Amino acid sequence: MLERLTAALEEMGVDWRPLRSYAGQKEVPGAVVTLPGTKKLNIACSLVVEDHALRVESFVARRPEENFEGVAAELLRRNGRLFGVAFAVDESGDVHLVGRLPLSSVNAEDLDRLLGTVLEAADETFNVILELGFASSIRQEWEWRLAHGESTRNLEAFQHLKPRGDH
């Protein structure tokens, strides 16, 4: 099955590498695909070959510092529109996209659709999660950077959170 997965990834021309197992765990067959986002610049997606399915996992964002319920509600609303994956939180509260694809669907066409869903969902949702779950930190970052003459280029998506004043 691993051969089918790697052949499909090669056919698609995506950036991927073999999945490395973590210390103390058994060797796990699979791949890690790096998807190029625009808001979330690099989206890593693990594809793990299991007995009956291909497990898909992609980290999206750290646990929100505030408004966890608002973030969760937004992600649940988005879940109904997704193919093959859904937003979930781990035991730490970090946000992931997770799902499974039947092994019979491990081909370039179905993988492309699945990875496209991961890319679109992670990228479109990233700034929403940041705004809802980290607004106070973003405001503080604006204030600090403006006070110290530092670049605010990567805060441009959050202009509406910029402090009002003489800056």
Protein backbone atom coordinates (compact mmCIF):
# COMPACT_ATOMS: atom_id res chain seq x y z
CA MET A 1 0.00 0.00 0.00
CA LEU A 2 2.88 2.37 0.74
CA GLU A 3 4.04 1.94 -2.84
CA ARG A 4 0.61 3.00 -4.14
CA LEU A 5 0.68 6.06 -1.89
CA THR A 6 4.15 7.16 -2.96
CA ALA A 7 3.34 6.52 -6.63
CA ALA A 8 0.22 8.69 -6.36
CA LEU A 9 2.19 11.48 -4.63
CA GLU A 10 4.86 11.33 -7.34
CA GLU A 11 2.18 11.45 -10.05
CA MET A 12 0.67 14.53 -8.38
CA GLY A 13 4.05 16.27 -8.18
CA VAL A 14 3.58 17.40 -4.57
CA ASP A 15 6.37 18.09 -2.10
CA TRP A 16 6.57 15.03 0.17
CA ARG A 17 8.96 12.96 2.27
CA PRO A 18 8.70 9.60 4.04
CA LEU A 19 6.99 9.68 7.43
CA ARG A 20 9.44 9.26 10.30
CA SER A 21 8.27 7.46 13.41
CA TYR A 22 8.69 9.11 16.79
CA ALA A 23 11.20 7.85 19.37
CA GLY A 24 10.02 4.68 21.05
CA GLN A 25 7.28 3.96 18.52
CA LYS A 26 7.23 1.25 15.90
CA GLU A 27 7.95 2.17 12.30
CA VAL A 28 4.87 3.72 10.72
CA PRO A 29 4.40 3.60 6.94
CA GLY A 30 3.32 6.84 5.34
CA ALA A 31 4.35 10.24 4.05
CA VAL A 32 4.39 13.88 5.06
CA VAL A 33 3.19 16.28 2.37
CA THR A 34 4.00 20.00 2.52
CA LEU A 35 1.28 22.16 1.01
CA PRO A 36 1.94 25.81 0.06
CA GLY A 37 -0.63 28.10 1.67
CA THR A 38 -1.00 31.86 1.43
CA LYS A 39 -2.18 32.74 4.95
CA LYS A 40 -0.63 29.71 6.67
CA LEU A 41 2.51 29.48 4.59
CA ASN A 42 3.46 25.82 5.07
CA ILE A 43 0.82 23.22 5.79
CA ALA A 44 2.25 19.83 6.73
CA CYS A 45 -0.07 16.88 6.26
CA SER A 46 0.75 13.38 7.53
CA LEU A 47 -0.60 10.43 5.55
CA VAL A 48 -0.39 7.26 7.64
CA VAL A 49 -1.10 3.85 6.11
CA GLU A 50 -3.25 1.81 8.53
CA ASP A 51 -4.80 -1.64 8.16
CA HIS A 52 -8.00 -0.43 6.42
CA ALA A 53 -7.55 3.27 5.74
CA LEU A 54 -5.16 6.10 5.09
CA ARG A 55 -5.17 8.38 8.15
CA VAL A 56 -4.80 12.10 7.41
CA GLU A 57 -3.57 14.56 10.04
CA SER A 58 -2.63 18.21 9.68
CA PHE A 59 -1.79 20.67 12.46
CA VAL A 60 -3.62 23.97 11.92
CA ALA A 61 -3.08 26.18 15.01
CA ARG A 62 -2.14 26.17 18.68
CA ARG A 63 -4.81 26.17 21.37
CA PRO A 64 -6.57 29.54 21.33
CA GLU A 65 -5.56 31.79 24.24
CA GLU A 66 -9.08 33.24 24.45
CA ASN A 67 -12.56 32.69 23.06
CA PHE A 68 -12.07 28.92 22.76
CA GLU A 69 -15.83 28.41 22.43
CA GLY A 70 -16.04 30.93 19.58
CA VAL A 71 -13.21 29.22 17.72
CA ALA A 72 -14.77 25.79 18.27
CA ALA A 73 -18.16 27.00 17.02
CA GLU A 74 -16.58 28.45 13.87
CA LEU A 75 -14.72 25.20 13.16
CA LEU A 76 -17.84 23.08 13.70
CA ARG A 77 -19.75 25.28 11.22
CA ARG A 78 -17.02 24.66 8.65
CA ASN A 79 -16.88 20.88 9.19
CA GLY A 80 -20.02 20.21 7.19
CA ARG A 81 -18.42 21.56 4.00
CA LEU A 82 -15.26 19.45 4.14
CA PHE A 83 -14.40 16.32 2.15
CA GLY A 84 -12.67 13.48 4.00
CA VAL A 85 -11.42 15.54 6.96
CA ALA A 86 -12.85 17.49 9.89
CA PHE A 87 -11.54 19.98 12.38
CA ALA A 88 -10.68 18.48 15.76
CA VAL A 89 -8.77 19.44 18.89
CA ASP A 90 -6.19 17.28 20.64
CA GLU A 91 -5.74 16.80 24.39
CA SER A 92 -3.85 20.14 24.54
CA GLY A 93 -6.59 22.00 22.70
CA ASP A 94 -4.49 22.46 19.54
CA VAL A 95 -6.50 22.55 16.30
CA HIS A 96 -5.96 19.87 13.64
CA LEU A 97 -7.64 18.57 10.52
CA VAL A 98 -8.10 14.79 10.75
CA GLY A 99 -9.74 12.13 8.63
CA ARG A 100 -9.49 8.80 6.89
CA LEU A 101 -9.56 7.71 3.28
CA PRO A 102 -10.35 4.08 2.37
CA LEU A 103 -7.27 2.28 1.09
CA SER A 104 -9.18 1.56 -2.12
CA SER A 105 -9.24 5.35 -2.74
CA VAL A 106 -5.47 5.80 -2.53
CA ASN A 107 -4.91 7.16 -6.01
CA ALA A 108 -3.77 10.50 -7.43
CA GLU A 109 -7.30 11.80 -8.08
CA ASP A 110 -8.73 11.09 -4.61
CA LEU A 111 -5.53 12.18 -2.84
CA ASP A 112 -5.54 15.42 -4.81
CA ARG A 113 -9.10 16.13 -3.71
CA LEU A 114 -8.31 15.28 -0.09
CA LEU A 115 -5.09 17.32 0.03
CA GLY A 116 -6.89 20.18 -1.71
CA THR A 117 -9.47 20.12 1.06
CA VAL A 118 -6.75 20.18 3.73
CA LEU A 119 -4.97 23.06 2.00
CA GLU A 120 -8.11 25.12 1.52
CA ALA A 121 -9.51 24.48 5.00
CA ALA A 122 -6.25 25.15 6.86
CA ASP A 123 -5.38 28.21 4.80
CA GLU A 124 -8.85 29.83 4.81
CA THR A 125 -9.33 29.21 8.52
CA PHE A 126 -5.89 30.16 9.84
CA ASN A 127 -6.42 33.93 10.16
CA VAL A 128 -9.97 33.38 11.47
CA ILE A 129 -8.58 31.20 14.27
CA LEU A 130 -5.89 33.78 15.03
CA GLU A 131 -8.38 36.64 15.11
CA LEU A 132 -10.92 34.83 17.27
CA GLY A 133 -8.48 33.07 19.58
CA PHE A 134 -5.51 35.44 19.84
CA ALA A 135 -6.93 38.97 19.37
CA SER A 136 -5.42 40.32 22.61
CA SER A 137 -1.97 39.01 21.70
CA ILE A 138 -2.24 40.45 18.20
CA ARG A 139 -3.16 43.87 19.63
CA GLN A 140 -0.20 43.68 22.01
CA GLU A 141 2.11 42.70 19.16
CA TRP A 142 0.90 45.68 17.12
CA GLU A 143 1.58 48.02 20.06
CA TRP A 144 5.06 46.62 20.72
CA ARG A 145 6.16 46.69 17.08
CA LEU A 146 4.85 50.20 16.51
CA ALA A 147 6.48 51.47 19.72
CA HIS A 148 9.83 49.91 18.76
CA GLY A 149 9.77 50.74 15.04
CA GLU A 150 9.67 47.06 14.07
CA SER A 151 8.16 45.68 10.87
CA THR A 152 4.41 45.04 10.95
CA ARG A 153 4.32 43.33 7.55
CA ASN A 154 3.10 39.98 8.89
CA LEU A 155 0.34 41.74 10.87
CA GLU A 156 -1.22 43.38 7.79
CA ALA A 157 -4.10 40.86 7.73
CA PHE A 158 -5.07 42.21 11.15
CA GLN A 159 -5.17 45.94 10.39
CA HIS A 160 -8.53 46.17 12.15
CA LEU A 161 -6.78 45.11 15.39
CA LYS A 162 -4.12 47.83 15.07
CA PRO A 163 -4.29 50.30 17.96
CA ARG A 164 -5.71 53.69 17.16
CA GLY A 165 -3.45 56.63 17.84
CA ASP A 166 -0.46 58.53 16.59
CA HIS A 167 1.35 55.52 15.11
